[in-house]
C-alpha atoms as a PDB file:
ATOM      1  CA  MET A   1      13.757 -63.620  28.803  1.00  0.00           C
ATOM      2  CA  ILE A   2      16.269 -66.409  28.066  1.00  0.00           C
ATOM      3  CA  PRO A   3      16.861 -66.628  24.302  1.00  0.00           C
ATOM      4  CA  GLU A   4      16.583 -70.185  22.975  1.00  0.00           C
ATOM      5  CA  ASP A   5      19.347 -69.821  20.355  1.00  0.00           C
ATOM      6  CA  LEU A   6      22.163 -69.176  22.848  1.00  0.00           C
ATOM      7  CA  LYS A   7      24.248 -71.376  25.149  1.00  0.00           C
ATOM      8  CA  TYR A   8      24.863 -70.458  28.782  1.00  0.00           C
ATOM      9  CA  ALA A   9      27.474 -70.910  31.498  1.00  0.00           C
ATOM     10  CA  LYS A  10      26.435 -71.500  35.101  1.00  0.00           C
ATOM     11  CA  SER A  11      28.385 -68.307  35.906  1.00  0.00           C
ATOM     12  CA  HIS A  12      25.754 -66.335  33.899  1.00  0.00           C
ATOM     13  CA  GLU A  13      27.584 -65.658  30.641  1.00  0.00           C
ATOM     14  CA  TRP A  14      25.934 -66.366  27.282  1.00  0.00           C
ATOM     15  CA  CYS A  15      27.535 -67.500  24.061  1.00  0.00           C
ATOM     16  CA  LYS A  16      26.353 -67.447  20.445  1.00  0.00           C
ATOM     17  CA  VAL A  17      28.430 -69.567  18.078  1.00  0.00           C
ATOM     18  CA  ASP A  18      28.550 -68.693  14.391  1.00  0.00           C
ATOM     19  CA  GLY A  19      31.042 -70.894  12.560  1.00  0.00           C
ATOM     20  CA  ASP A  20      34.347 -70.580  14.445  1.00  0.00           C
ATOM     21  CA  VAL A  21      33.439 -67.284  16.145  1.00  0.00           C
ATOM     22  CA  ALA A  22      31.587 -67.021  19.454  1.00  0.00           C
ATOM     23  CA  THR A  23      29.989 -63.803  20.680  1.00  0.00           C
ATOM     24  CA  VAL A  24      29.878 -63.588  24.483  1.00  0.00           C
ATOM     25  CA  GLY A  25      28.117 -61.394  27.045  1.00  0.00           C
ATOM     26  CA  ILE A  26      26.410 -61.616  30.419  1.00  0.00           C
ATOM     27  CA  THR A  27      22.817 -62.704  30.786  1.00  0.00           C
ATOM     28  CA  HIS A  28      19.765 -60.619  31.563  1.00  0.00           C
ATOM     29  CA  PHE A  29      19.662 -62.313  34.981  1.00  0.00           C
ATOM     30  CA  ALA A  30      23.280 -61.297  35.694  1.00  0.00           C
ATOM     31  CA  GLN A  31      22.812 -57.656  34.738  1.00  0.00           C
ATOM     32  CA  GLU A  32      19.557 -57.539  36.721  1.00  0.00           C
ATOM     33  CA  GLN A  33      21.319 -58.850  39.848  1.00  0.00           C
ATOM     34  CA  LEU A  34      24.123 -56.308  39.470  1.00  0.00           C
ATOM     35  CA  GLY A  35      21.915 -53.305  38.798  1.00  0.00           C
ATOM     36  CA  ASP A  36      23.026 -50.308  36.746  1.00  0.00           C
ATOM     37  CA  LEU A  37      26.502 -50.980  35.396  1.00  0.00           C
ATOM     38  CA  THR A  38      29.019 -48.178  35.781  1.00  0.00           C
ATOM     39  CA  PHE A  39      32.148 -49.844  34.354  1.00  0.00           C
ATOM     40  CA  VAL A  40      33.026 -52.797  32.138  1.00  0.00           C
ATOM     41  CA  GLU A  41      36.602 -54.133  31.971  1.00  0.00           C
ATOM     42  CA  LEU A  42      37.245 -56.336  28.953  1.00  0.00           C
ATOM     43  CA  PRO A  43      40.351 -58.148  27.696  1.00  0.00           C
ATOM     44  CA  GLU A  44      42.467 -57.012  24.753  1.00  0.00           C
ATOM     45  CA  VAL A  45      42.203 -58.296  21.194  1.00  0.00           C
ATOM     46  CA  GLY A  46      44.722 -61.135  20.889  1.00  0.00           C
ATOM     47  CA  ASP A  47      44.301 -62.358  24.483  1.00  0.00           C
ATOM     48  CA  THR A  48      43.556 -66.063  24.768  1.00  0.00           C
ATOM     49  CA  PHE A  49      41.466 -67.836  27.391  1.00  0.00           C
ATOM     50  CA  GLU A  50      40.543 -71.324  28.418  1.00  0.00           C
ATOM     51  CA  ALA A  51      36.868 -71.996  29.105  1.00  0.00           C
ATOM     52  CA  GLY A  52      36.091 -70.980  32.695  1.00  0.00           C
ATOM     53  CA  ALA A  53      38.980 -68.508  32.970  1.00  0.00           C
ATOM     54  CA  GLU A  54      38.400 -65.005  34.321  1.00  0.00           C
ATOM     55  CA  MET A  55      38.416 -62.590  31.371  1.00  0.00           C
ATOM     56  CA  GLY A  56      37.188 -59.290  32.757  1.00  0.00           C
ATOM     57  CA  SER A  57      34.833 -57.668  35.202  1.00  0.00           C
ATOM     58  CA  VAL A  58      31.767 -55.497  35.505  1.00  0.00           C
ATOM     59  CA  GLU A  59      31.018 -52.952  38.196  1.00  0.00           C
ATOM     60  CA  SER A  60      27.731 -51.465  39.263  1.00  0.00           C
ATOM     61  CA  VAL A  61      26.546 -49.213  42.035  1.00  0.00           C
ATOM     62  CA  LYS A  62      25.812 -52.416  44.022  1.00  0.00           C
ATOM     63  CA  ALA A  63      28.763 -54.709  43.342  1.00  0.00           C
ATOM     64  CA  ALA A  64      31.685 -55.775  41.206  1.00  0.00           C
ATOM     65  CA  SER A  65      31.699 -59.154  39.529  1.00  0.00           C
ATOM     66  CA  GLU A  66      34.146 -61.138  37.443  1.00  0.00           C
ATOM     67  CA  ILE A  67      33.255 -62.314  33.964  1.00  0.00           C
ATOM     68  CA  TYR A  68      34.368 -65.799  32.947  1.00  0.00           C
ATOM     69  CA  SER A  69      34.973 -67.088  29.451  1.00  0.00           C
ATOM     70  CA  PRO A  70      32.383 -69.715  28.510  1.00  0.00           C
ATOM     71  CA  VAL A  71      34.616 -70.859  25.624  1.00  0.00           C
ATOM     72  CA  ALA A  72      38.287 -71.455  24.827  1.00  0.00           C
ATOM     73  CA  GLY A  73      39.734 -69.145  22.204  1.00  0.00           C
ATOM     74  CA  GLU A  74      41.378 -65.910  21.150  1.00  0.00           C
ATOM     75  CA  VAL A  75      39.730 -62.512  21.495  1.00  0.00           C
ATOM     76  CA  VAL A  76      39.160 -61.111  17.993  1.00  0.00           C
ATOM     77  CA  GLU A  77      36.910 -58.178  18.905  1.00  0.00           C
ATOM     78  CA  VAL A  78      35.710 -56.325  21.990  1.00  0.00           C
ATOM     79  CA  ASN A  79      32.669 -54.092  22.233  1.00  0.00           C
ATOM     80  CA  GLU A  80      34.459 -50.732  22.525  1.00  0.00           C
ATOM     81  CA  ALA A  81      31.124 -48.914  22.960  1.00  0.00           C
ATOM     82  CA  LEU A  82      30.828 -50.338  26.487  1.00  0.00           C
ATOM     83  CA  ALA A  83      33.768 -48.216  27.698  1.00  0.00           C
ATOM     84  CA  ASP A  84      31.645 -45.080  27.318  1.00  0.00           C
ATOM     85  CA  ALA A  85      28.213 -46.673  27.652  1.00  0.00           C
ATOM     86  CA  PRO A  86      28.260 -49.639  30.073  1.00  0.00           C
ATOM     87  CA  GLU A  87      24.494 -49.225  30.434  1.00  0.00           C
ATOM     88  CA  LYS A  88      24.102 -50.951  27.039  1.00  0.00           C
ATOM     89  CA  VAL A  89      24.612 -54.215  28.938  1.00  0.00           C
ATOM     90  CA  ASN A  90      21.602 -53.380  31.121  1.00  0.00           C
ATOM     91  CA  GLU A  91      19.478 -52.176  28.218  1.00  0.00           C
ATOM     92  CA  ASP A  92      20.218 -54.973  25.738  1.00  0.00           C
ATOM     93  CA  PRO A  93      22.374 -57.766  27.223  1.00  0.00           C
ATOM     94  CA  TYR A  94      21.851 -60.090  24.235  1.00  0.00           C
ATOM     95  CA  GLY A  95      22.231 -57.407  21.551  1.00  0.00           C
ATOM     96  CA  ALA A  96      24.082 -54.084  21.797  1.00  0.00           C
ATOM     97  CA  GLY A  97      25.439 -55.168  25.203  1.00  0.00           C
ATOM     98  CA  TRP A  98      27.551 -58.040  23.819  1.00  0.00           C
ATOM     99  CA  MET A  99      31.081 -57.959  25.209  1.00  0.00           C
ATOM    100  CA  ILE A 100      33.617 -60.098  23.352  1.00  0.00           C
ATOM    101  CA  LYS A 101      34.012 -62.108  20.165  1.00  0.00           C
ATOM    102  CA  PHE A 102      36.285 -65.139  20.283  1.00  0.00           C
ATOM    103  CA  LYS A 103      37.857 -67.217  17.547  1.00  0.00           C
ATOM    104  CA  LEU A 104      37.168 -70.646  19.000  1.00  0.00           C
ATOM    105  CA  ALA A 105      40.088 -72.918  19.851  1.00  0.00           C
ATOM    106  CA  ALA A 106      37.707 -75.851  20.364  1.00  0.00           C
ATOM    107  CA  GLU A 107      34.026 -76.685  20.222  1.00  0.00           C
ATOM    108  CA  PRO A 108      32.314 -75.182  23.280  1.00  0.00           C
ATOM    109  CA  ALA A 109      31.660 -77.885  25.857  1.00  0.00           C
ATOM    110  CA  GLY A 110      29.648 -78.055  29.046  1.00  0.00           C
ATOM    111  CA  LEU A 111      27.373 -75.128  28.253  1.00  0.00           C
ATOM    112  CA  LEU A 112      23.673 -75.157  29.070  1.00  0.00           C
ATOM    113  CA  ASP A 113      20.713 -74.710  26.768  1.00  0.00           C
ATOM    114  CA  ALA A 114      18.033 -72.134  27.620  1.00  0.00           C
ATOM    115  CA  GLU A 115      15.919 -74.614  29.575  1.00  0.00           C
ATOM    116  CA  ALA A 116      18.829 -75.846  31.706  1.00  0.00           C
ATOM    117  CA  TYR A 117      19.986 -72.262  32.334  1.00  0.00           C
ATOM    118  CA  ALA A 118      16.455 -71.302  33.436  1.00  0.00           C
ATOM    119  CA  ALA A 119      16.661 -74.104  36.014  1.00  0.00           C
ATOM    120  CA  VAL A 120      19.975 -72.661  37.315  1.00  0.00           C
ATOM    121  CA  VAL A 121      18.385 -69.215  37.716  1.00  0.00           C
ATOM    122  CA  GLU A 122      15.386 -70.727  39.513  1.00  0.00           C
ATOM    123  CA  SER A 123      17.592 -72.814  41.788  1.00  0.00           C
ATOM    124  CA  GLU A 124      19.258 -69.612  42.957  1.00  0.00           C
ATOM    125  CA  GLY A 125      15.883 -68.573  44.317  1.00  0.00           C
ATOM    126  CA  HIS A 126      14.883 -66.051  41.670  1.00  0.00           C
END
């Protein structure tokens, strides 16, 4: 359930780099822990973030959680569909549930591959 072609942050965000653009979302594990999402708050196009900075939040019937940027860059697109259909993150976290596209300011650093991320999930007792 952890796609091999993505990179992961220990805070449970995923990142897919294509040239100088990175698509970001939260992992299957993260959405599973939160339960059914009821609200997604995303940044605005043009906002810039350093890697590790808080960039939004998700809310579910169980909890609210911050989302952190796994990369440094400028927001070039947000998934507007999530405003009306936050459940897309639950249904397809690596596809239709993507959240943000960044124009990278630097090569992503310190992210985990699928195997290392799987170890993080297991170490959290799941």
